[in-house]
C-alpha atoms as a PDB file:
ATOM      1  CA  UNK A   1      27.950 -37.628 169.759  1.00  0.00           C
ATOM      2  CA  UNK A   2      26.979 -34.382 171.477  1.00  0.00           C
ATOM      3  CA  UNK A   3      27.882 -31.209 169.591  1.00  0.00           C
ATOM      4  CA  UNK A   4      29.592 -28.786 171.945  1.00  0.00           C
ATOM      5  CA  UNK A   5      29.945 -25.033 171.694  1.00  0.00           C
ATOM      6  CA  UNK A   6      33.298 -23.283 171.395  1.00  0.00           C
ATOM      7  CA  UNK A   7      33.176 -23.131 175.209  1.00  0.00           C
ATOM      8  CA  UNK A   8      33.318 -26.964 175.233  1.00  0.00           C
ATOM      9  CA  UNK A   9      31.232 -27.085 178.411  1.00  0.00           C
ATOM     10  CA  UNK A  10      27.936 -26.086 176.819  1.00  0.00           C
ATOM     11  CA  UNK A  11      26.166 -28.369 174.374  1.00  0.00           C
ATOM     12  CA  UNK A  12      24.509 -27.051 171.267  1.00  0.00           C
ATOM     13  CA  UNK A  13      21.039 -27.881 172.539  1.00  0.00           C
ATOM     14  CA  UNK A  14      19.644 -27.722 168.995  1.00  0.00           C
ATOM     15  CA  UNK A  15      22.080 -30.455 167.902  1.00  0.00           C
ATOM     16  CA  UNK A  16      21.809 -32.513 171.075  1.00  0.00           C
ATOM     17  CA  UNK A  17      17.995 -32.725 170.797  1.00  0.00           C
ATOM     18  CA  UNK A  18      17.311 -31.977 167.124  1.00  0.00           C
ATOM     19  CA  UNK A  19      13.696 -33.142 167.320  1.00  0.00           C
ATOM     20  CA  UNK A  20      12.895 -30.256 169.679  1.00  0.00           C
ATOM     21  CA  UNK A  21      14.693 -27.747 167.467  1.00  0.00           C
ATOM     22  CA  UNK A  22      12.851 -29.098 164.421  1.00  0.00           C
ATOM     23  CA  UNK A  23       9.540 -28.445 166.195  1.00  0.00           C
ATOM     24  CA  UNK A  24      10.715 -24.896 166.963  1.00  0.00           C
ATOM     25  CA  UNK A  25      11.601 -24.341 163.314  1.00  0.00           C
ATOM     26  CA  UNK A  26       8.178 -25.631 162.280  1.00  0.00           C
ATOM     27  CA  UNK A  27       6.516 -23.256 164.757  1.00  0.00           C
ATOM     28  CA  UNK A  28       8.539 -20.363 163.317  1.00  0.00           C
ATOM     29  CA  UNK A  29       7.479 -21.284 159.787  1.00  0.00           C
ATOM     30  CA  UNK A  30       3.828 -21.456 160.887  1.00  0.00           C
ATOM     31  CA  UNK A  31       4.179 -18.094 162.632  1.00  0.00           C
ATOM     32  CA  UNK A  32       5.610 -16.427 159.515  1.00  0.00           C
ATOM     33  CA  UNK A  33       2.820 -17.950 157.419  1.00  0.00           C
ATOM     34  CA  UNK A  34       0.089 -16.485 159.648  1.00  0.00           C
ATOM     35  CA  UNK A  35       1.944 -13.171 159.815  1.00  0.00           C
ATOM     36  CA  UNK A  36       1.932 -12.972 156.020  1.00  0.00           C
ATOM     37  CA  UNK A  37      -1.731 -13.999 155.909  1.00  0.00           C
ATOM     38  CA  UNK A  38      -2.477 -11.183 158.367  1.00  0.00           C
ATOM     39  CA  UNK A  39      -0.758  -8.695 156.075  1.00  0.00           C
ATOM     40  CA  UNK A  40       2.583  -8.267 157.835  1.00  0.00           C
ATOM     41  CA  UNK A  41       5.660  -7.905 155.665  1.00  0.00           C
ATOM     42  CA  UNK A  42       8.946  -9.712 156.057  1.00  0.00           C
ATOM     43  CA  UNK A  43      10.474  -6.310 156.758  1.00  0.00           C
ATOM     44  CA  UNK A  44       8.283  -5.740 159.810  1.00  0.00           C
ATOM     45  CA  UNK A  45       8.798  -9.312 161.008  1.00  0.00           C
ATOM     46  CA  UNK A  46      12.570  -8.949 160.721  1.00  0.00           C
ATOM     47  CA  UNK A  47      12.497  -5.548 162.418  1.00  0.00           C
ATOM     48  CA  UNK A  48      10.813  -7.227 165.395  1.00  0.00           C
ATOM     49  CA  UNK A  49      13.267 -10.149 165.295  1.00  0.00           C
ATOM     50  CA  UNK A  50      16.207  -7.757 165.229  1.00  0.00           C
ATOM     51  CA  UNK A  51      14.942  -5.565 168.083  1.00  0.00           C
ATOM     52  CA  UNK A  52      14.163  -8.517 170.343  1.00  0.00           C
ATOM     53  CA  UNK A  53      17.588  -9.997 169.598  1.00  0.00           C
ATOM     54  CA  UNK A  54      19.199  -6.651 170.477  1.00  0.00           C
ATOM     55  CA  UNK A  55      17.412  -6.571 173.821  1.00  0.00           C
ATOM     56  CA  UNK A  56      18.423 -10.155 174.581  1.00  0.00           C
ATOM     57  CA  UNK A  57      21.985  -9.648 173.358  1.00  0.00           C
ATOM     58  CA  UNK A  58      21.864 -12.624 171.005  1.00  0.00           C
ATOM     59  CA  UNK A  59      24.803 -12.246 168.635  1.00  0.00           C
ATOM     60  CA  UNK A  60      23.788 -15.226 166.518  1.00  0.00           C
ATOM     61  CA  UNK A  61      20.224 -14.068 165.916  1.00  0.00           C
ATOM     62  CA  UNK A  62      21.394 -10.513 165.246  1.00  0.00           C
ATOM     63  CA  UNK A  63      23.816 -11.818 162.632  1.00  0.00           C
ATOM     64  CA  UNK A  64      20.885 -13.556 160.923  1.00  0.00           C
ATOM     65  CA  UNK A  65      18.002 -11.106 161.331  1.00  0.00           C
ATOM     66  CA  UNK A  66      19.684  -7.735 160.699  1.00  0.00           C
ATOM     67  CA  UNK A  67      20.806  -8.882 157.206  1.00  0.00           C
ATOM     68  CA  UNK A  68      17.370 -10.453 156.661  1.00  0.00           C
ATOM     69  CA  UNK A  69      15.770  -7.103 157.562  1.00  0.00           C
ATOM     70  CA  UNK A  70      17.951  -5.322 155.005  1.00  0.00           C
ATOM     71  CA  UNK A  71      17.106  -7.958 152.400  1.00  0.00           C
ATOM     72  CA  UNK A  72      13.402  -7.439 153.195  1.00  0.00           C
ATOM     73  CA  UNK A  73      13.729  -3.710 152.483  1.00  0.00           C
ATOM     74  CA  UNK A  74      14.391  -2.171 155.898  1.00  0.00           C
ATOM     75  CA  UNK A  75      16.690   0.828 155.456  1.00  0.00           C
ATOM     76  CA  UNK A  76      20.098   0.630 157.081  1.00  0.00           C
ATOM     77  CA  UNK A  77      19.349   3.898 158.893  1.00  0.00           C
ATOM     78  CA  UNK A  78      16.391   2.252 160.671  1.00  0.00           C
ATOM     79  CA  UNK A  79      18.616  -0.617 161.759  1.00  0.00           C
ATOM     80  CA  UNK A  80      21.292   1.824 162.905  1.00  0.00           C
ATOM     81  CA  UNK A  81      18.892   3.697 165.191  1.00  0.00           C
ATOM     82  CA  UNK A  82      16.681   0.747 166.163  1.00  0.00           C
ATOM     83  CA  UNK A  83      17.885   0.725 169.806  1.00  0.00           C
ATOM     84  CA  UNK A  84      16.510   4.283 170.121  1.00  0.00           C
ATOM     85  CA  UNK A  85      13.381   3.811 168.016  1.00  0.00           C
ATOM     86  CA  UNK A  86      11.241   5.462 170.720  1.00  0.00           C
ATOM     87  CA  UNK A  87      12.888   8.800 169.927  1.00  0.00           C
ATOM     88  CA  UNK A  88      13.505   8.263 166.197  1.00  0.00           C
ATOM     89  CA  UNK A  89      10.921   9.895 163.951  1.00  0.00           C
ATOM     90  CA  UNK A  90      11.667   7.540 161.037  1.00  0.00           C
ATOM     91  CA  UNK A  91       9.493   4.658 162.281  1.00  0.00           C
ATOM     92  CA  UNK A  92       5.877   4.579 161.121  1.00  0.00           C
ATOM     93  CA  UNK A  93       2.875   3.877 163.335  1.00  0.00           C
ATOM     94  CA  UNK A  94       2.689   0.168 162.452  1.00  0.00           C
ATOM     95  CA  UNK A  95       6.360  -0.315 163.185  1.00  0.00           C
ATOM     96  CA  UNK A  96       6.016   1.532 166.486  1.00  0.00           C
ATOM     97  CA  UNK A  97       3.013  -0.591 167.463  1.00  0.00           C
ATOM     98  CA  UNK A  98       4.833  -3.821 166.596  1.00  0.00           C
ATOM     99  CA  UNK A  99       8.005  -2.764 168.407  1.00  0.00           C
ATOM    100  CA  UNK A 100       6.022  -1.754 171.503  1.00  0.00           C
ATOM    101  CA  UNK A 101       4.309  -5.147 171.566  1.00  0.00           C
ATOM    102  CA  UNK A 102       7.626  -6.939 171.035  1.00  0.00           C
ATOM    103  CA  UNK A 103       9.399  -5.056 173.802  1.00  0.00           C
ATOM    104  CA  UNK A 104       6.528  -5.636 176.225  1.00  0.00           C
ATOM    105  CA  UNK A 105       6.883  -9.408 175.732  1.00  0.00           C
ATOM    106  CA  UNK A 106      10.668  -9.380 175.877  1.00  0.00           C
ATOM    107  CA  UNK A 107      11.270  -7.230 178.946  1.00  0.00           C
ATOM    108  CA  UNK A 108       8.627  -8.518 181.302  1.00  0.00           C
ATOM    109  CA  UNK A 109       7.707  -5.599 183.532  1.00  0.00           C
ATOM    110  CA  UNK A 110       4.769  -6.146 185.869  1.00  0.00           C
ATOM    111  CA  UNK A 111       4.141  -2.401 185.960  1.00  0.00           C
ATOM    112  CA  UNK A 112       3.430  -2.306 182.217  1.00  0.00           C
ATOM    113  CA  UNK A 113      -0.240  -2.391 181.312  1.00  0.00           C
ATOM    114  CA  UNK A 114      -0.359  -4.973 178.515  1.00  0.00           C
ATOM    115  CA  UNK A 115      -4.078  -4.278 177.958  1.00  0.00           C
ATOM    116  CA  UNK A 116      -3.234  -0.639 177.264  1.00  0.00           C
ATOM    117  CA  UNK A 117      -0.391  -1.631 174.933  1.00  0.00           C
ATOM    118  CA  UNK A 118      -2.700  -3.965 172.996  1.00  0.00           C
ATOM    119  CA  UNK A 119      -5.379  -1.264 172.776  1.00  0.00           C
ATOM    120  CA  UNK A 120      -2.879   1.266 171.449  1.00  0.00           C
ATOM    121  CA  UNK A 121      -1.464  -1.278 168.995  1.00  0.00           C
ATOM    122  CA  UNK A 122      -5.029  -1.968 167.847  1.00  0.00           C
ATOM    123  CA  UNK A 123      -5.162   1.554 166.434  1.00  0.00           C
ATOM    124  CA  UNK A 124      -2.555   0.521 163.830  1.00  0.00           C
ATOM    125  CA  UNK A 125      -2.726  -3.275 163.683  1.00  0.00           C
ATOM    126  CA  UNK A 126      -5.600  -5.741 163.359  1.00  0.00           C
ATOM    127  CA  UNK A 127      -6.214  -8.396 166.000  1.00  0.00           C
ATOM    128  CA  UNK A 128      -4.637 -10.970 163.672  1.00  0.00           C
ATOM    129  CA  UNK A 129      -1.588  -8.744 163.203  1.00  0.00           C
ATOM    130  CA  UNK A 130      -1.197  -8.207 166.948  1.00  0.00           C
ATOM    131  CA  UNK A 131      -1.352 -11.962 167.467  1.00  0.00           C
ATOM    132  CA  UNK A 132       1.180 -12.531 164.670  1.00  0.00           C
ATOM    133  CA  UNK A 133       3.591  -9.974 166.155  1.00  0.00           C
ATOM    134  CA  UNK A 134       3.245 -11.626 169.547  1.00  0.00           C
ATOM    135  CA  UNK A 135       3.919 -15.079 168.070  1.00  0.00           C
ATOM    136  CA  UNK A 136       6.941 -13.686 166.230  1.00  0.00           C
ATOM    137  CA  UNK A 137       8.178 -12.153 169.480  1.00  0.00           C
ATOM    138  CA  UNK A 138       7.584 -15.296 171.514  1.00  0.00           C
ATOM    139  CA  UNK A 139       9.477 -17.435 169.034  1.00  0.00           C
ATOM    140  CA  UNK A 140      12.466 -15.121 168.522  1.00  0.00           C
ATOM    141  CA  UNK A 141      12.782 -14.878 172.303  1.00  0.00           C
ATOM    142  CA  UNK A 142      12.925 -18.686 172.391  1.00  0.00           C
ATOM    143  CA  UNK A 143      15.473 -18.829 169.543  1.00  0.00           C
ATOM    144  CA  UNK A 144      17.580 -16.183 171.319  1.00  0.00           C
ATOM    145  CA  UNK A 145      17.634 -18.364 174.395  1.00  0.00           C
ATOM    146  CA  UNK A 146      18.547 -21.466 172.367  1.00  0.00           C
ATOM    147  CA  UNK A 147      21.518 -19.650 170.836  1.00  0.00           C
ATOM    148  CA  UNK A 148      22.598 -18.071 174.117  1.00  0.00           C
ATOM    149  CA  UNK A 149      22.319 -21.384 175.994  1.00  0.00           C
ATOM    150  CA  UNK A 150      24.329 -23.102 173.256  1.00  0.00           C
ATOM    151  CA  UNK A 151      26.890 -20.300 172.928  1.00  0.00           C
ATOM    152  CA  UNK A 152      26.247 -20.253 169.181  1.00  0.00           C
ATOM    153  CA  UNK A 153      28.764 -18.123 167.270  1.00  0.00           C
ATOM    154  CA  UNK A 154      28.019 -15.197 164.991  1.00  0.00           C
ATOM    155  CA  UNK A 155      26.408 -16.673 161.874  1.00  0.00           C
ATOM    156  CA  UNK A 156      28.813 -16.676 158.955  1.00  0.00           C
ATOM    157  CA  UNK A 157      31.871 -15.770 161.053  1.00  0.00           C
ATOM    158  CA  UNK A 158      35.028 -17.694 160.383  1.00  0.00           C
ATOM    159  CA  UNK A 159      36.029 -19.799 163.346  1.00  0.00           C
ATOM    160  CA  UNK A 160      39.693 -20.143 164.290  1.00  0.00           C
END
């Protein structure tokens, strides 16, 4: 039986082909493991996940990653102003570097110099950390698209 979204025309692609979703979940677990090994905190990882999900407008991932960011120690004020982090003085250099990398892989703009972004990020993050942020970004972008394609609801919301 195919699991359908509330829309009833769109399948939950994660339920329809669970073997693919399982591989995605394994990739996400591997990504978090290397991020930790590189010295990134869950807070920074969840800040990236939240920002990418904001850009993509993924209600499901936002309902998962914003609470996870708070649980990982990210202040509510940072989450409140995250859409305007460029102008907010409360983000440190590592956070700014990670968010710049994440945005550059989420909003693909051919006029953006990714070499320059990586060089600037390298002033605050190691090569391993840059790679880990980029894997985190790549995977949350994919999870956003899975949830958007499937019309997944807000996590934890009561359904009528």
